[in-house]
C-alpha atoms as a PDB file:
ATOM      1  CA  MET A   1      29.517  -8.884  -5.788  1.00  0.00           C
ATOM      2  CA  SER A   2      28.081 -11.603  -3.585  1.00  0.00           C
ATOM      3  CA  THR A   3      26.409 -10.656  -0.334  1.00  0.00           C
ATOM      4  CA  VAL A   4      26.361 -12.382   3.010  1.00  0.00           C
ATOM      5  CA  LEU A   5      23.339 -12.824   5.235  1.00  0.00           C
ATOM      6  CA  THR A   6      23.704 -10.944   8.507  1.00  0.00           C
ATOM      7  CA  ARG A   7      22.453 -13.028  11.405  1.00  0.00           C
ATOM      8  CA  SER A   8      21.575 -12.298  14.979  1.00  0.00           C
ATOM      9  CA  PRO A   9      24.014 -14.059  17.333  1.00  0.00           C
ATOM     10  CA  ALA A  10      21.012 -15.860  18.856  1.00  0.00           C
ATOM     11  CA  ALA A  11      19.571 -17.007  15.521  1.00  0.00           C
ATOM     12  CA  VAL A  12      18.819 -20.722  15.316  1.00  0.00           C
ATOM     13  CA  PRO A  13      17.769 -22.927  12.376  1.00  0.00           C
ATOM     14  CA  VAL A  14      13.989 -22.708  12.113  1.00  0.00           C
ATOM     15  CA  ARG A  15      13.326 -23.045   8.407  1.00  0.00           C
ATOM     16  CA  ALA A  16      12.196 -26.667   8.400  1.00  0.00           C
ATOM     17  CA  ALA A  17       9.177 -25.701  10.515  1.00  0.00           C
ATOM     18  CA  ILE A  18       8.108 -22.764   8.329  1.00  0.00           C
ATOM     19  CA  ARG A  19       4.868 -23.068   6.353  1.00  0.00           C
ATOM     20  CA  ALA A  20       4.119 -19.417   5.565  1.00  0.00           C
ATOM     21  CA  VAL A  21       5.947 -16.139   5.042  1.00  0.00           C
ATOM     22  CA  LEU A  22       4.241 -12.881   6.034  1.00  0.00           C
ATOM     23  CA  PHE A  23       5.429  -9.580   4.611  1.00  0.00           C
ATOM     24  CA  ASP A  24       5.129  -5.924   5.409  1.00  0.00           C
ATOM     25  CA  LEU A  25       3.939  -4.067   2.294  1.00  0.00           C
ATOM     26  CA  ASP A  26       5.493  -0.604   1.813  1.00  0.00           C
ATOM     27  CA  GLY A  27       9.264  -0.782   1.674  1.00  0.00           C
ATOM     28  CA  THR A  28       9.288  -4.572   1.743  1.00  0.00           C
ATOM     29  CA  LEU A  29       7.201  -5.838  -1.180  1.00  0.00           C
ATOM     30  CA  ILE A  30       6.468  -2.573  -2.963  1.00  0.00           C
ATOM     31  CA  ASP A  31       8.105   0.780  -3.547  1.00  0.00           C
ATOM     32  CA  SER A  32       5.172   3.086  -2.887  1.00  0.00           C
ATOM     33  CA  ALA A  33       7.320   6.113  -2.093  1.00  0.00           C
ATOM     34  CA  PRO A  34       6.833   7.758  -5.524  1.00  0.00           C
ATOM     35  CA  ASP A  35       3.046   7.900  -5.109  1.00  0.00           C
ATOM     36  CA  LEU A  36       3.112   8.869  -1.440  1.00  0.00           C
ATOM     37  CA  ALA A  37       5.608  11.623  -2.194  1.00  0.00           C
ATOM     38  CA  GLY A  38       3.606  12.576  -5.269  1.00  0.00           C
ATOM     39  CA  ALA A  39       0.443  13.059  -3.236  1.00  0.00           C
ATOM     40  CA  THR A  40       2.363  15.181  -0.757  1.00  0.00           C
ATOM     41  CA  ASN A  41       3.877  17.388  -3.441  1.00  0.00           C
ATOM     42  CA  GLU A  42       0.476  17.767  -5.127  1.00  0.00           C
ATOM     43  CA  MET A  43      -0.734  19.349  -1.890  1.00  0.00           C
ATOM     44  CA  LEU A  44       2.178  21.757  -1.836  1.00  0.00           C
ATOM     45  CA  THR A  45       1.730  22.702  -5.485  1.00  0.00           C
ATOM     46  CA  ALA A  46      -1.984  23.361  -4.922  1.00  0.00           C
ATOM     47  CA  ARG A  47      -1.006  25.894  -2.264  1.00  0.00           C
ATOM     48  CA  GLY A  48       1.653  27.579  -4.380  1.00  0.00           C
ATOM     49  CA  LEU A  49       4.425  26.172  -2.195  1.00  0.00           C
ATOM     50  CA  PRO A  50       7.687  24.602  -3.416  1.00  0.00           C
ATOM     51  CA  GLN A  51       7.822  20.834  -3.628  1.00  0.00           C
ATOM     52  CA  VAL A  52       9.933  18.777  -1.233  1.00  0.00           C
ATOM     53  CA  PRO A  53      12.737  16.760  -2.868  1.00  0.00           C
ATOM     54  CA  PHE A  54      11.898  13.072  -3.133  1.00  0.00           C
ATOM     55  CA  GLU A  55      15.055  12.163  -1.211  1.00  0.00           C
ATOM     56  CA  ARG A  56      13.688  13.942   1.886  1.00  0.00           C
ATOM     57  CA  LEU A  57      10.273  12.307   1.694  1.00  0.00           C
ATOM     58  CA  ARG A  58      11.299   8.710   0.949  1.00  0.00           C
ATOM     59  CA  PRO A  59      12.685   7.866   4.426  1.00  0.00           C
ATOM     60  CA  MET A  60       9.404   9.041   5.983  1.00  0.00           C
ATOM     61  CA  VAL A  61       7.157   6.611   4.095  1.00  0.00           C
ATOM     62  CA  GLY A  62       7.051   4.237   7.056  1.00  0.00           C
ATOM     63  CA  SER A  63       5.599   7.035   9.190  1.00  0.00           C
ATOM     64  CA  GLY A  64       2.640   7.522   6.820  1.00  0.00           C
ATOM     65  CA  ALA A  65       0.678  10.768   6.890  1.00  0.00           C
ATOM     66  CA  ARG A  66       2.373  11.810  10.126  1.00  0.00           C
ATOM     67  CA  GLY A  67       5.805  11.705   8.508  1.00  0.00           C
ATOM     68  CA  MET A  68       4.781  13.194   5.174  1.00  0.00           C
ATOM     69  CA  MET A  69       2.794  16.083   6.641  1.00  0.00           C
ATOM     70  CA  GLY A  70       5.546  16.725   9.141  1.00  0.00           C
ATOM     71  CA  ILE A  71       8.142  17.162   6.408  1.00  0.00           C
ATOM     72  CA  ALA A  72       5.880  19.083   4.002  1.00  0.00           C
ATOM     73  CA  PHE A  73       4.002  21.355   6.408  1.00  0.00           C
ATOM     74  CA  GLY A  74       5.833  21.095   9.706  1.00  0.00           C
ATOM     75  CA  VAL A  75       2.729  19.913  11.569  1.00  0.00           C
ATOM     76  CA  THR A  76       2.293  17.119  14.068  1.00  0.00           C
ATOM     77  CA  PRO A  77      -0.803  14.982  14.751  1.00  0.00           C
ATOM     78  CA  THR A  78      -1.515  17.034  17.889  1.00  0.00           C
ATOM     79  CA  GLU A  79      -1.960  20.287  15.968  1.00  0.00           C
ATOM     80  CA  PRO A  80      -5.427  21.479  14.836  1.00  0.00           C
ATOM     81  CA  ALA A  81      -4.364  21.694  11.173  1.00  0.00           C
ATOM     82  CA  PHE A  82      -3.292  18.054  10.988  1.00  0.00           C
ATOM     83  CA  PRO A  83      -6.632  16.193  10.505  1.00  0.00           C
ATOM     84  CA  ALA A  84      -7.619  18.187   7.412  1.00  0.00           C
ATOM     85  CA  LEU A  85      -4.153  17.834   5.887  1.00  0.00           C
ATOM     86  CA  ARG A  86      -4.151  14.097   6.633  1.00  0.00           C
ATOM     87  CA  ASP A  87      -7.559  13.605   5.033  1.00  0.00           C
ATOM     88  CA  GLU A  88      -6.552  15.530   1.914  1.00  0.00           C
ATOM     89  CA  PHE A  89      -3.346  13.513   1.728  1.00  0.00           C
ATOM     90  CA  PHE A  90      -5.311  10.255   1.921  1.00  0.00           C
ATOM     91  CA  ASP A  91      -7.741  11.397  -0.772  1.00  0.00           C
ATOM     92  CA  ARG A  92      -4.959  12.444  -3.135  1.00  0.00           C
ATOM     93  CA  TYR A  93      -2.999   9.259  -2.489  1.00  0.00           C
ATOM     94  CA  GLU A  94      -6.066   7.106  -3.131  1.00  0.00           C
ATOM     95  CA  GLN A  95      -6.358   8.644  -6.600  1.00  0.00           C
ATOM     96  CA  ARG A  96      -2.830   7.544  -7.538  1.00  0.00           C
ATOM     97  CA  LEU A  97      -2.285   4.287  -5.623  1.00  0.00           C
ATOM     98  CA  LEU A  98      -0.569   2.499  -8.512  1.00  0.00           C
ATOM     99  CA  GLN A  99       0.485   5.389 -10.712  1.00  0.00           C
ATOM    100  CA  ASP A 100       4.189   4.929  -9.963  1.00  0.00           C
ATOM    101  CA  THR A 101       4.117   2.214  -7.282  1.00  0.00           C
ATOM    102  CA  HIS A 102       5.698  -1.117  -8.214  1.00  0.00           C
ATOM    103  CA  PRO A 103       7.174  -4.232  -6.590  1.00  0.00           C
ATOM    104  CA  PHE A 104      10.857  -4.020  -5.799  1.00  0.00           C
ATOM    105  CA  ASP A 105      13.217  -5.848  -8.136  1.00  0.00           C
ATOM    106  CA  GLY A 106      13.255  -9.566  -7.403  1.00  0.00           C
ATOM    107  CA  ILE A 107       9.925  -9.675  -5.535  1.00  0.00           C
ATOM    108  CA  ALA A 108       7.994 -11.500  -8.280  1.00  0.00           C
ATOM    109  CA  ALA A 109      10.687 -14.176  -8.566  1.00  0.00           C
ATOM    110  CA  MET A 110      10.801 -14.534  -4.774  1.00  0.00           C
ATOM    111  CA  LEU A 111       7.029 -15.042  -4.507  1.00  0.00           C
ATOM    112  CA  GLN A 112       7.162 -17.589  -7.320  1.00  0.00           C
ATOM    113  CA  ALA A 113       9.935 -19.462  -5.502  1.00  0.00           C
ATOM    114  CA  LEU A 114       7.838 -19.557  -2.333  1.00  0.00           C
ATOM    115  CA  ARG A 115       4.977 -21.143  -4.280  1.00  0.00           C
ATOM    116  CA  GLU A 116       7.325 -23.667  -5.852  1.00  0.00           C
ATOM    117  CA  ASP A 117       8.586 -24.596  -2.393  1.00  0.00           C
ATOM    118  CA  GLY A 118       5.020 -25.137  -1.173  1.00  0.00           C
ATOM    119  CA  LEU A 119       4.989 -22.144   1.167  1.00  0.00           C
ATOM    120  CA  SER A 120       2.038 -19.784   1.433  1.00  0.00           C
ATOM    121  CA  TRP A 121       2.523 -16.054   1.906  1.00  0.00           C
ATOM    122  CA  GLY A 122       0.560 -13.080   3.136  1.00  0.00           C
ATOM    123  CA  ILE A 123       0.668  -9.348   3.761  1.00  0.00           C
ATOM    124  CA  VAL A 124       0.518  -7.595   7.131  1.00  0.00           C
ATOM    125  CA  THR A 125       0.717  -3.814   6.858  1.00  0.00           C
ATOM    126  CA  ASN A 126      -0.150  -0.778   8.948  1.00  0.00           C
ATOM    127  CA  LYS A 127      -1.717   0.697   5.819  1.00  0.00           C
ATOM    128  CA  SER A 128      -5.488   0.780   6.228  1.00  0.00           C
ATOM    129  CA  GLU A 129      -7.612  -1.658   4.242  1.00  0.00           C
ATOM    130  CA  ARG A 130      -8.833   1.340   2.220  1.00  0.00           C
ATOM    131  CA  PHE A 131      -5.438   1.295   0.499  1.00  0.00           C
ATOM    132  CA  ALA A 132      -4.005  -2.161   1.195  1.00  0.00           C
ATOM    133  CA  LEU A 133      -6.802  -4.164  -0.416  1.00  0.00           C
ATOM    134  CA  PRO A 134      -6.929  -2.174  -3.701  1.00  0.00           C
ATOM    135  CA  LEU A 135      -3.142  -2.342  -3.908  1.00  0.00           C
ATOM    136  CA  ALA A 136      -3.182  -6.107  -3.484  1.00  0.00           C
ATOM    137  CA  ARG A 137      -5.878  -6.412  -6.160  1.00  0.00           C
ATOM    138  CA  GLY A 138      -4.104  -4.070  -8.548  1.00  0.00           C
ATOM    139  CA  LEU A 139      -0.852  -5.977  -8.228  1.00  0.00           C
ATOM    140  CA  GLY A 140      -2.600  -9.296  -8.814  1.00  0.00           C
ATOM    141  CA  TRP A 141      -1.811 -10.516  -5.319  1.00  0.00           C
ATOM    142  CA  SER A 142      -5.254 -10.710  -3.706  1.00  0.00           C
ATOM    143  CA  THR A 143      -5.847 -14.179  -5.183  1.00  0.00           C
ATOM    144  CA  GLN A 144      -2.340 -15.352  -4.353  1.00  0.00           C
ATOM    145  CA  ALA A 145      -1.934 -14.144  -0.783  1.00  0.00           C
ATOM    146  CA  ALA A 146      -3.227 -16.364   2.013  1.00  0.00           C
ATOM    147  CA  ALA A 147      -4.027 -13.206   4.000  1.00  0.00           C
ATOM    148  CA  VAL A 148      -4.045  -9.445   3.552  1.00  0.00           C
ATOM    149  CA  VAL A 149      -4.249  -7.744   6.952  1.00  0.00           C
ATOM    150  CA  GLY A 150      -4.312  -3.951   7.172  1.00  0.00           C
ATOM    151  CA  GLY A 151      -3.683  -1.569  10.005  1.00  0.00           C
ATOM    152  CA  ASP A 152      -7.399  -1.410  10.781  1.00  0.00           C
ATOM    153  CA  THR A 153      -8.262  -5.086  10.214  1.00  0.00           C
ATOM    154  CA  THR A 154      -7.831  -5.738  13.941  1.00  0.00           C
ATOM    155  CA  PRO A 155      -8.137  -3.303  16.859  1.00  0.00           C
ATOM    156  CA  HIS A 156      -4.348  -2.998  16.893  1.00  0.00           C
ATOM    157  CA  ALA A 157      -1.550  -2.015  14.500  1.00  0.00           C
ATOM    158  CA  LYS A 158       2.106  -3.046  14.537  1.00  0.00           C
ATOM    159  CA  PRO A 159       4.180  -3.261  16.688  1.00  0.00           C
ATOM    160  CA  HIS A 160       1.294  -5.041  18.437  1.00  0.00           C
ATOM    161  CA  PRO A 161       1.371  -8.735  17.443  1.00  0.00           C
ATOM    162  CA  GLU A 162      -2.383  -9.081  16.809  1.00  0.00           C
ATOM    163  CA  PRO A 163      -2.276  -8.271  13.054  1.00  0.00           C
ATOM    164  CA  LEU A 164       0.380 -10.950  12.547  1.00  0.00           C
ATOM    165  CA  LEU A 165      -1.575 -13.458  14.627  1.00  0.00           C
ATOM    166  CA  GLU A 166      -4.698 -12.683  12.577  1.00  0.00           C
ATOM    167  CA  ALA A 167      -2.775 -13.295   9.355  1.00  0.00           C
ATOM    168  CA  ALA A 168      -1.549 -16.628  10.685  1.00  0.00           C
ATOM    169  CA  ARG A 169      -5.132 -17.594  11.546  1.00  0.00           C
ATOM    170  CA  ARG A 170      -6.319 -16.666   8.058  1.00  0.00           C
ATOM    171  CA  ALA A 171      -3.459 -18.624   6.510  1.00  0.00           C
ATOM    172  CA  GLY A 172      -4.333 -21.652   8.633  1.00  0.00           C
ATOM    173  CA  VAL A 173      -0.917 -21.962  10.251  1.00  0.00           C
ATOM    174  CA  ALA A 174       0.459 -21.566  13.763  1.00  0.00           C
ATOM    175  CA  PRO A 175       2.421 -18.372  14.525  1.00  0.00           C
ATOM    176  CA  HIS A 176       5.676 -20.281  15.036  1.00  0.00           C
ATOM    177  CA  GLU A 177       5.248 -21.714  11.529  1.00  0.00           C
ATOM    178  CA  CYS A 178       5.422 -18.194  10.042  1.00  0.00           C
ATOM    179  CA  VAL A 179       8.288 -15.867   9.271  1.00  0.00           C
ATOM    180  CA  TYR A 180       7.660 -12.120   9.307  1.00  0.00           C
ATOM    181  CA  VAL A 181       9.635  -9.928   6.907  1.00  0.00           C
ATOM    182  CA  GLY A 182       9.803  -6.135   7.140  1.00  0.00           C
ATOM    183  CA  ASP A 183      11.802  -2.931   6.771  1.00  0.00           C
ATOM    184  CA  ASP A 184      11.010  -1.218  10.072  1.00  0.00           C
ATOM    185  CA  ALA A 185      11.922  -1.837  13.694  1.00  0.00           C
ATOM    186  CA  ARG A 186       8.179  -2.125  14.437  1.00  0.00           C
ATOM    187  CA  ASP A 187       8.025  -5.122  12.118  1.00  0.00           C
ATOM    188  CA  ILE A 188      10.675  -6.940  14.063  1.00  0.00           C
ATOM    189  CA  LEU A 189       9.058  -6.063  17.407  1.00  0.00           C
ATOM    190  CA  ALA A 190       5.698  -7.315  16.143  1.00  0.00           C
ATOM    191  CA  GLY A 191       7.152 -10.527  14.772  1.00  0.00           C
ATOM    192  CA  ARG A 192       9.002 -11.319  17.970  1.00  0.00           C
ATOM    193  CA  ALA A 193       5.902 -10.560  20.058  1.00  0.00           C
ATOM    194  CA  ALA A 194       3.904 -12.936  17.849  1.00  0.00           C
ATOM    195  CA  GLY A 195       6.459 -15.713  18.336  1.00  0.00           C
ATOM    196  CA  MET A 196       7.646 -15.627  14.716  1.00  0.00           C
ATOM    197  CA  PRO A 197      11.181 -15.664  13.347  1.00  0.00           C
ATOM    198  CA  THR A 198      11.920 -12.267  11.804  1.00  0.00           C
ATOM    199  CA  VAL A 199      13.750 -11.033   8.718  1.00  0.00           C
ATOM    200  CA  ALA A 200      14.758  -7.396   8.139  1.00  0.00           C
ATOM    201  CA  VAL A 201      15.351  -6.085   4.613  1.00  0.00           C
ATOM    202  CA  ARG A 202      17.988  -3.507   3.767  1.00  0.00           C
ATOM    203  CA  TRP A 203      16.290  -2.315   0.563  1.00  0.00           C
ATOM    204  CA  GLY A 204      13.362  -0.741   2.443  1.00  0.00           C
ATOM    205  CA  TYR A 205      12.780   2.756   3.776  1.00  0.00           C
ATOM    206  CA  LEU A 206      14.354   2.012   7.195  1.00  0.00           C
ATOM    207  CA  GLY A 207      13.291   5.354   8.674  1.00  0.00           C
ATOM    208  CA  GLN A 208      15.482   7.632  10.748  1.00  0.00           C
ATOM    209  CA  GLY A 209      15.719   5.645  13.973  1.00  0.00           C
ATOM    210  CA  GLU A 210      18.303   3.163  15.143  1.00  0.00           C
ATOM    211  CA  SER A 211      20.307   1.102  12.677  1.00  0.00           C
ATOM    212  CA  ILE A 212      18.724  -1.987  11.159  1.00  0.00           C
ATOM    213  CA  ASP A 213      21.522  -3.994  12.773  1.00  0.00           C
ATOM    214  CA  ALA A 214      20.152  -3.062  16.198  1.00  0.00           C
ATOM    215  CA  TRP A 215      16.578  -4.246  15.596  1.00  0.00           C
ATOM    216  CA  GLY A 216      17.213  -7.815  16.733  1.00  0.00           C
ATOM    217  CA  ALA A 217      15.997  -9.590  13.590  1.00  0.00           C
ATOM    218  CA  ASP A 218      16.958 -13.233  13.181  1.00  0.00           C
ATOM    219  CA  VAL A 219      18.473 -12.396   9.819  1.00  0.00           C
ATOM    220  CA  ILE A 220      19.034  -9.320   7.641  1.00  0.00           C
ATOM    221  CA  ILE A 221      18.904  -9.645   3.867  1.00  0.00           C
ATOM    222  CA  ASP A 222      20.080  -7.423   1.028  1.00  0.00           C
ATOM    223  CA  THR A 223      17.993  -8.918  -1.801  1.00  0.00           C
ATOM    224  CA  PRO A 224      14.708 -10.857  -2.054  1.00  0.00           C
ATOM    225  CA  SER A 225      16.507 -13.930  -3.363  1.00  0.00           C
ATOM    226  CA  GLN A 226      18.405 -14.174  -0.087  1.00  0.00           C
ATOM    227  CA  LEU A 227      15.144 -14.903   1.706  1.00  0.00           C
ATOM    228  CA  ILE A 228      14.726 -18.015  -0.433  1.00  0.00           C
ATOM    229  CA  ASP A 229      18.343 -19.011   0.210  1.00  0.00           C
ATOM    230  CA  TRP A 230      17.776 -18.690   3.944  1.00  0.00           C
ATOM    231  CA  LEU A 231      14.512 -20.621   3.926  1.00  0.00           C
ATOM    232  CA  ARG A 232      16.092 -23.448   1.943  1.00  0.00           C
ATOM    233  CA  GLU A 233      19.107 -23.645   4.258  1.00  0.00           C
ATOM    234  CA  ASP A 234      19.065 -26.809   6.353  1.00  0.00           C
ATOM    235  CA  ALA A 235      15.450 -27.383   5.298  1.00  0.00           C
END
């Protein structure tokens, strides 16, 4: 069945000016939920507690340790038990970064199409460099990406625009010459604040907040190939 791009009513043709595409990482380029959930369930098993079904953990990936520890242990970042649980979670996750993590279907072909069209691409994630850089290396992307910006690369994380602006600087392009693609409302807020057209992806984790249709993205896509179709439109 063919799919149709969902556009914001205010969307305008901008593709001819685009020189680079910046992507969120988890839920946009890669499906890291199996390893994040795996690290969480390892913690539960070590304590003799029942594991949490994957279906309950997957939507919380975008919330990182806060979301995972909240589901698994019912703790919030303000509680005394949280820092130790968070640190153990990070350590366990680091040991299995690419055990079950993989790019979503169609991502490799999409990145190849961007190269063929002469567009550079980069990664802007709230994941710390401790995880983002090894992931990029392990996936063979560190030599391909014009920028890999983590949540601690700059003093700010998304939805602040600074990580996106830093990625544009590293890629050698102006912010308005970039598109930002993500699966969370924070991605769209960050992209708009940075002066970039924004694309929301339906295949991501999406979280438990408002509907993707309410985020205000310039376009919403169902498959990676639709990004290429949109970029080539009226180019």
